[in-house]
């Protein structure tokens, strides 16, 4: 007497779950890149709209550094933090980057949620 089991569906499921991780990461990298580009654009728009342009150096130094699932976005001038947070000399804060992050955050969270929903 012999009993046979067909595990082919289990093997297919295991392969699909393994591929989902790589696919999800690739999709997440696209979302991070798009969100970083949106953050940079919104940050630059905020610099202009908040009247934080004198010579244009800070505006022109605002850039994005992407590395897979991480992105660093913002100006590289040494005085940008003082403009952003404000000082007694330059008046109140002009939070151009934090406001930009608040603006793009809902779309970022929605896109990441869609990736999660698609692999479950």
Protein backbone atom coordinates (compact mmCIF):
# COMPACT_ATOMS: atom_id res chain seq x y z
CA UNK A 1 0.00 0.00 0.00
CA UNK A 2 1.30 3.51 -0.84
CA UNK A 3 -0.06 6.99 -0.31
CA UNK A 4 0.94 9.78 -2.63
CA UNK A 5 0.73 13.47 -1.94
CA UNK A 6 0.96 16.21 -4.53
CA UNK A 7 2.90 19.11 -3.02
CA UNK A 8 3.29 21.02 -6.28
CA UNK A 9 0.86 23.74 -5.14
CA UNK A 10 2.81 24.23 -1.92
CA UNK A 11 6.05 24.55 -3.88
CA UNK A 12 4.43 27.07 -6.22
CA UNK A 13 3.17 29.10 -3.25
CA UNK A 14 6.62 29.08 -1.66
CA UNK A 15 8.17 30.29 -4.93
CA UNK A 16 5.53 33.01 -5.29
CA UNK A 17 6.15 34.25 -1.75
CA UNK A 18 9.89 34.29 -2.37
CA UNK A 19 9.43 36.32 -5.54
CA UNK A 20 6.98 38.67 -3.83
CA UNK A 21 9.74 39.89 -1.52
CA UNK A 22 12.01 40.86 -4.40
CA UNK A 23 9.10 42.33 -6.35
CA UNK A 24 7.88 44.30 -3.33
CA UNK A 25 11.36 45.71 -2.76
CA UNK A 26 11.65 46.76 -6.40
CA UNK A 27 8.25 48.46 -6.25
CA UNK A 28 9.14 50.15 -2.95
CA UNK A 29 12.34 51.52 -4.50
CA UNK A 30 10.22 53.09 -7.26
CA UNK A 31 7.92 54.65 -4.64
CA UNK A 32 10.89 55.98 -2.67
CA UNK A 33 12.44 57.50 -5.82
CA UNK A 34 9.14 59.12 -6.88
CA UNK A 35 8.47 60.43 -3.38
CA UNK A 36 12.00 61.81 -3.11
CA UNK A 37 11.60 63.64 -6.42
CA UNK A 38 8.25 65.02 -5.23
CA UNK A 39 9.83 66.07 -1.92
CA UNK A 40 12.67 67.86 -3.68
CA UNK A 41 10.27 69.68 -6.01
CA UNK A 42 7.94 70.68 -3.17
CA UNK A 43 10.87 71.76 -0.99
CA UNK A 44 12.16 74.02 -3.77
CA UNK A 45 8.68 75.44 -4.35
CA UNK A 46 8.40 76.16 -0.62
CA UNK A 47 11.81 77.88 -0.54
CA UNK A 48 10.54 80.25 -3.21
CA UNK A 49 7.04 80.75 -1.79
CA UNK A 50 8.39 81.39 1.73
CA UNK A 51 10.71 84.09 0.43
CA UNK A 52 13.86 82.21 1.36
CA UNK A 53 15.73 83.04 -1.86
CA UNK A 54 18.47 85.64 -1.71
CA UNK A 55 21.22 84.49 -4.06
CA UNK A 56 19.64 81.16 -5.10
CA UNK A 57 22.48 79.12 -3.60
CA UNK A 58 20.29 77.24 -1.12
CA UNK A 59 17.62 76.63 -3.75
CA UNK A 60 20.18 75.33 -6.24
CA UNK A 61 21.87 73.15 -3.62
CA UNK A 62 18.63 71.30 -2.86
CA UNK A 63 19.02 67.83 -4.29
CA UNK A 64 18.28 64.14 -3.80
CA UNK A 65 20.65 61.29 -3.01
CA UNK A 66 18.98 57.92 -3.66
CA UNK A 67 20.21 54.58 -2.37
CA UNK A 68 17.68 51.78 -2.85
CA UNK A 69 15.06 52.14 -0.15
CA UNK A 70 16.53 55.33 1.29
CA UNK A 71 16.70 58.88 0.05
CA UNK A 72 18.31 61.99 1.45
CA UNK A 73 16.64 65.16 0.21
CA UNK A 74 17.45 68.76 1.05
CA UNK A 75 19.79 71.68 0.62
CA UNK A 76 23.49 71.26 1.29
CA UNK A 77 24.28 74.84 2.28
CA UNK A 78 25.54 75.25 5.83
CA UNK A 79 22.93 77.91 6.64
CA UNK A 80 19.82 76.04 5.44
CA UNK A 81 19.01 74.81 8.94
CA UNK A 82 18.98 78.40 10.23
CA UNK A 83 16.56 79.45 7.52
CA UNK A 84 14.41 76.37 8.14
CA UNK A 85 14.32 76.69 11.95
CA UNK A 86 14.61 80.48 12.15
CA UNK A 87 16.88 82.70 14.22
CA UNK A 88 16.45 86.03 15.93
CA UNK A 89 18.34 87.59 13.04
CA UNK A 90 16.41 86.21 10.08
CA UNK A 91 12.98 86.19 11.69
CA UNK A 92 10.83 83.20 12.31
CA UNK A 93 11.19 79.72 10.93
CA UNK A 94 10.54 78.96 7.29
CA UNK A 95 10.07 75.18 7.46
CA UNK A 96 10.30 74.54 3.74
CA UNK A 97 11.40 70.89 3.98
CA UNK A 98 9.20 69.76 6.87
CA UNK A 99 6.17 71.33 5.16
CA UNK A 100 7.17 69.57 1.93
CA UNK A 101 7.37 66.24 3.78
CA UNK A 102 3.91 66.80 5.27
CA UNK A 103 2.57 67.50 1.78
CA UNK A 104 3.95 64.37 0.11
CA UNK A 105 3.52 61.98 3.05
CA UNK A 106 -0.08 60.85 2.29
CA UNK A 107 0.78 59.81 -1.28
CA UNK A 108 3.89 57.98 -0.07
CA UNK A 109 1.97 56.07 2.59
CA UNK A 110 -0.81 55.20 0.15
CA UNK A 111 1.64 53.87 -2.44
CA UNK A 112 3.53 51.80 0.14
CA UNK A 113 0.22 50.45 1.45
CA UNK A 114 -0.76 49.38 -2.06
CA UNK A 115 2.48 47.43 -2.36
CA UNK A 116 1.73 45.67 0.91
CA UNK A 117 -1.84 44.91 -0.15
CA UNK A 118 -0.70 43.53 -3.50
CA UNK A 119 1.63 40.90 -1.98
CA UNK A 120 -0.78 39.60 0.65
